[in-house]
N, C-alpha and C. Protein backbone atom coordinates (compact mmCIF):
# COMPACT_ATOMS: atom_id res chain seq x y z
N MET A 1 -27.32 -22.70 46.20
CA MET A 1 -27.44 -23.94 45.48
C MET A 1 -27.82 -25.04 46.47
N ILE A 2 -28.78 -25.85 46.08
CA ILE A 2 -29.27 -26.94 46.95
C ILE A 2 -29.01 -28.26 46.24
N LYS A 3 -28.34 -29.17 46.95
CA LYS A 3 -28.07 -30.50 46.40
C LYS A 3 -28.97 -31.51 47.09
N LEU A 4 -29.50 -32.41 46.30
CA LEU A 4 -30.36 -33.47 46.82
C LEU A 4 -29.81 -34.82 46.38
N LYS A 5 -29.90 -35.80 47.25
CA LYS A 5 -29.59 -37.17 46.89
C LYS A 5 -30.89 -37.80 46.40
N VAL A 6 -30.86 -38.33 45.17
CA VAL A 6 -32.06 -38.91 44.57
C VAL A 6 -31.74 -40.35 44.17
N THR A 7 -32.51 -41.29 44.68
CA THR A 7 -32.30 -42.68 44.32
C THR A 7 -33.52 -43.22 43.59
N GLY A 8 -33.26 -44.22 42.76
CA GLY A 8 -34.33 -44.86 42.02
C GLY A 8 -34.38 -44.50 40.55
N MET A 9 -33.56 -43.54 40.11
CA MET A 9 -33.53 -43.17 38.70
C MET A 9 -32.73 -44.21 37.93
N THR A 10 -33.28 -44.70 36.81
CA THR A 10 -32.59 -45.73 36.05
C THR A 10 -32.34 -45.36 34.59
N CYS A 11 -32.91 -44.23 34.13
CA CYS A 11 -32.77 -43.89 32.71
C CYS A 11 -32.94 -42.38 32.51
N GLY A 12 -32.76 -41.97 31.27
CA GLY A 12 -32.92 -40.56 30.93
C GLY A 12 -34.32 -40.05 31.19
N HIS A 13 -35.32 -40.90 30.98
CA HIS A 13 -36.70 -40.49 31.26
C HIS A 13 -36.85 -40.16 32.75
N CYS A 14 -36.23 -40.95 33.60
CA CYS A 14 -36.28 -40.69 35.04
C CYS A 14 -35.69 -39.31 35.35
N GLU A 15 -34.54 -39.02 34.74
CA GLU A 15 -33.90 -37.72 34.97
C GLU A 15 -34.82 -36.58 34.53
N MET A 16 -35.46 -36.74 33.38
CA MET A 16 -36.35 -35.69 32.90
C MET A 16 -37.57 -35.52 33.80
N ALA A 17 -38.10 -36.62 34.33
CA ALA A 17 -39.25 -36.54 35.23
C ALA A 17 -38.88 -35.78 36.50
N VAL A 18 -37.70 -36.07 37.04
CA VAL A 18 -37.24 -35.38 38.25
C VAL A 18 -37.00 -33.90 37.94
N LYS A 19 -36.36 -33.62 36.83
CA LYS A 19 -36.08 -32.23 36.45
C LYS A 19 -37.38 -31.43 36.31
N LYS A 20 -38.36 -32.02 35.65
CA LYS A 20 -39.64 -31.34 35.45
C LYS A 20 -40.33 -31.10 36.79
N ALA A 21 -40.32 -32.11 37.66
CA ALA A 21 -40.96 -31.96 38.98
C ALA A 21 -40.28 -30.85 39.78
N LEU A 22 -38.96 -30.83 39.77
CA LEU A 22 -38.23 -29.80 40.54
C LEU A 22 -38.49 -28.41 39.98
N SER A 23 -38.57 -28.30 38.66
CA SER A 23 -38.76 -26.97 38.05
C SER A 23 -40.10 -26.35 38.41
N GLN A 24 -41.05 -27.17 38.85
CA GLN A 24 -42.38 -26.66 39.19
C GLN A 24 -42.52 -26.29 40.67
N VAL A 25 -41.48 -26.51 41.47
CA VAL A 25 -41.54 -26.16 42.89
C VAL A 25 -41.33 -24.65 43.04
N PRO A 26 -42.22 -23.98 43.78
CA PRO A 26 -42.05 -22.53 43.97
C PRO A 26 -40.69 -22.21 44.59
N GLY A 27 -40.04 -21.20 44.04
CA GLY A 27 -38.74 -20.77 44.56
C GLY A 27 -37.56 -21.31 43.77
N VAL A 28 -37.80 -22.31 42.91
CA VAL A 28 -36.72 -22.84 42.09
C VAL A 28 -36.48 -21.89 40.92
N GLU A 29 -35.26 -21.35 40.83
CA GLU A 29 -34.91 -20.47 39.72
C GLU A 29 -34.40 -21.27 38.53
N GLN A 30 -33.65 -22.34 38.83
CA GLN A 30 -33.08 -23.16 37.77
C GLN A 30 -32.76 -24.55 38.31
N VAL A 31 -33.06 -25.57 37.51
CA VAL A 31 -32.59 -26.92 37.83
C VAL A 31 -31.24 -27.04 37.13
N VAL A 32 -30.17 -27.02 37.92
CA VAL A 32 -28.82 -27.02 37.37
C VAL A 32 -28.48 -28.37 36.76
N SER A 33 -28.78 -29.45 37.49
CA SER A 33 -28.48 -30.78 36.95
C SER A 33 -29.29 -31.85 37.67
N VAL A 34 -29.52 -32.92 36.95
CA VAL A 34 -30.08 -34.15 37.51
C VAL A 34 -29.23 -35.27 36.92
N ASP A 35 -28.54 -36.02 37.76
CA ASP A 35 -27.59 -37.02 37.30
C ASP A 35 -27.87 -38.35 37.99
N ARG A 36 -28.37 -39.32 37.22
CA ARG A 36 -28.72 -40.61 37.82
C ARG A 36 -27.49 -41.39 38.26
N SER A 37 -26.36 -41.24 37.56
CA SER A 37 -25.16 -42.00 37.93
C SER A 37 -24.58 -41.52 39.27
N ARG A 38 -24.74 -40.23 39.55
CA ARG A 38 -24.28 -39.70 40.85
C ARG A 38 -25.40 -39.66 41.88
N GLU A 39 -26.61 -40.02 41.45
CA GLU A 39 -27.79 -39.97 42.31
C GLU A 39 -27.94 -38.58 42.93
N GLU A 40 -27.88 -37.56 42.08
CA GLU A 40 -27.86 -36.19 42.58
C GLU A 40 -28.70 -35.27 41.71
N ALA A 41 -29.34 -34.32 42.37
CA ALA A 41 -30.02 -33.22 41.69
C ALA A 41 -29.56 -31.93 42.34
N VAL A 42 -29.36 -30.89 41.52
CA VAL A 42 -28.90 -29.60 42.02
C VAL A 42 -29.83 -28.52 41.49
N VAL A 43 -30.33 -27.67 42.39
CA VAL A 43 -31.19 -26.56 41.98
C VAL A 43 -30.66 -25.26 42.54
N GLU A 44 -31.00 -24.16 41.87
CA GLU A 44 -30.69 -22.83 42.36
C GLU A 44 -32.00 -22.14 42.71
N GLY A 45 -31.92 -21.27 43.69
CA GLY A 45 -33.10 -20.53 44.12
C GLY A 45 -33.26 -20.66 45.62
N SER A 46 -34.48 -20.38 46.09
CA SER A 46 -34.74 -20.45 47.53
C SER A 46 -36.01 -21.24 47.83
N PRO A 47 -36.11 -22.45 47.25
CA PRO A 47 -37.29 -23.27 47.54
C PRO A 47 -37.18 -23.93 48.91
N ASP A 48 -38.31 -24.40 49.39
CA ASP A 48 -38.34 -25.19 50.62
C ASP A 48 -37.83 -26.59 50.28
N VAL A 49 -36.82 -27.05 51.01
CA VAL A 49 -36.22 -28.35 50.71
C VAL A 49 -37.25 -29.47 50.83
N SER A 50 -38.13 -29.38 51.80
CA SER A 50 -39.13 -30.43 51.95
C SER A 50 -40.08 -30.47 50.75
N ALA A 51 -40.31 -29.32 50.11
CA ALA A 51 -41.14 -29.29 48.90
C ALA A 51 -40.42 -29.95 47.73
N LEU A 52 -39.10 -29.77 47.65
CA LEU A 52 -38.31 -30.44 46.62
C LEU A 52 -38.37 -31.94 46.79
N VAL A 53 -38.16 -32.40 48.02
CA VAL A 53 -38.20 -33.83 48.32
C VAL A 53 -39.58 -34.40 47.99
N ALA A 54 -40.62 -33.68 48.38
CA ALA A 54 -41.99 -34.14 48.11
C ALA A 54 -42.25 -34.25 46.62
N ALA A 55 -41.77 -33.29 45.84
CA ALA A 55 -41.98 -33.31 44.39
C ALA A 55 -41.31 -34.52 43.76
N ILE A 56 -40.11 -34.83 44.22
CA ILE A 56 -39.38 -35.99 43.69
C ILE A 56 -40.08 -37.28 44.09
N GLU A 57 -40.49 -37.36 45.35
CA GLU A 57 -41.14 -38.58 45.84
C GLU A 57 -42.49 -38.80 45.15
N GLU A 58 -43.15 -37.71 44.78
CA GLU A 58 -44.42 -37.81 44.06
C GLU A 58 -44.23 -38.47 42.69
N GLU A 59 -43.03 -38.32 42.13
CA GLU A 59 -42.71 -38.94 40.85
C GLU A 59 -42.28 -40.41 41.01
N GLY A 60 -42.12 -40.86 42.25
CA GLY A 60 -41.81 -42.27 42.50
C GLY A 60 -40.37 -42.56 42.84
N TYR A 61 -39.59 -41.52 43.16
CA TYR A 61 -38.18 -41.71 43.51
C TYR A 61 -37.97 -41.32 44.97
N GLN A 62 -36.85 -41.72 45.53
CA GLN A 62 -36.54 -41.36 46.90
C GLN A 62 -35.58 -40.17 46.87
N ALA A 63 -35.76 -39.26 47.84
CA ALA A 63 -34.91 -38.07 47.86
C ALA A 63 -34.67 -37.61 49.30
N GLU A 64 -33.55 -36.95 49.48
CA GLU A 64 -33.23 -36.31 50.75
C GLU A 64 -32.19 -35.23 50.49
N ALA A 65 -32.09 -34.28 51.40
CA ALA A 65 -31.08 -33.24 51.27
C ALA A 65 -29.70 -33.90 51.35
N ALA A 66 -28.80 -33.53 50.45
CA ALA A 66 -27.46 -34.09 50.45
C ALA A 66 -26.62 -33.38 51.51
N SER A 67 -25.67 -34.10 52.05
CA SER A 67 -24.76 -33.50 53.02
C SER A 67 -23.93 -32.45 52.28
N PRO A 68 -23.68 -31.32 52.94
CA PRO A 68 -22.91 -30.25 52.27
C PRO A 68 -21.50 -30.67 51.91
């Protein structure tokens, strides 16, 4: 499971945009959650973390790997 800190989400549409972007990254088996109030996204699988961050940033949000 990979946790990411995502900032800049303000509504449900933002959460859906992030979820859709993450689901298209190779290696993602499932987007477990995207939560704007916790500024967190969680995915399962073996994707490249930098690809996850890039996908989120391409949608206009800021992202980084969350501390374990």
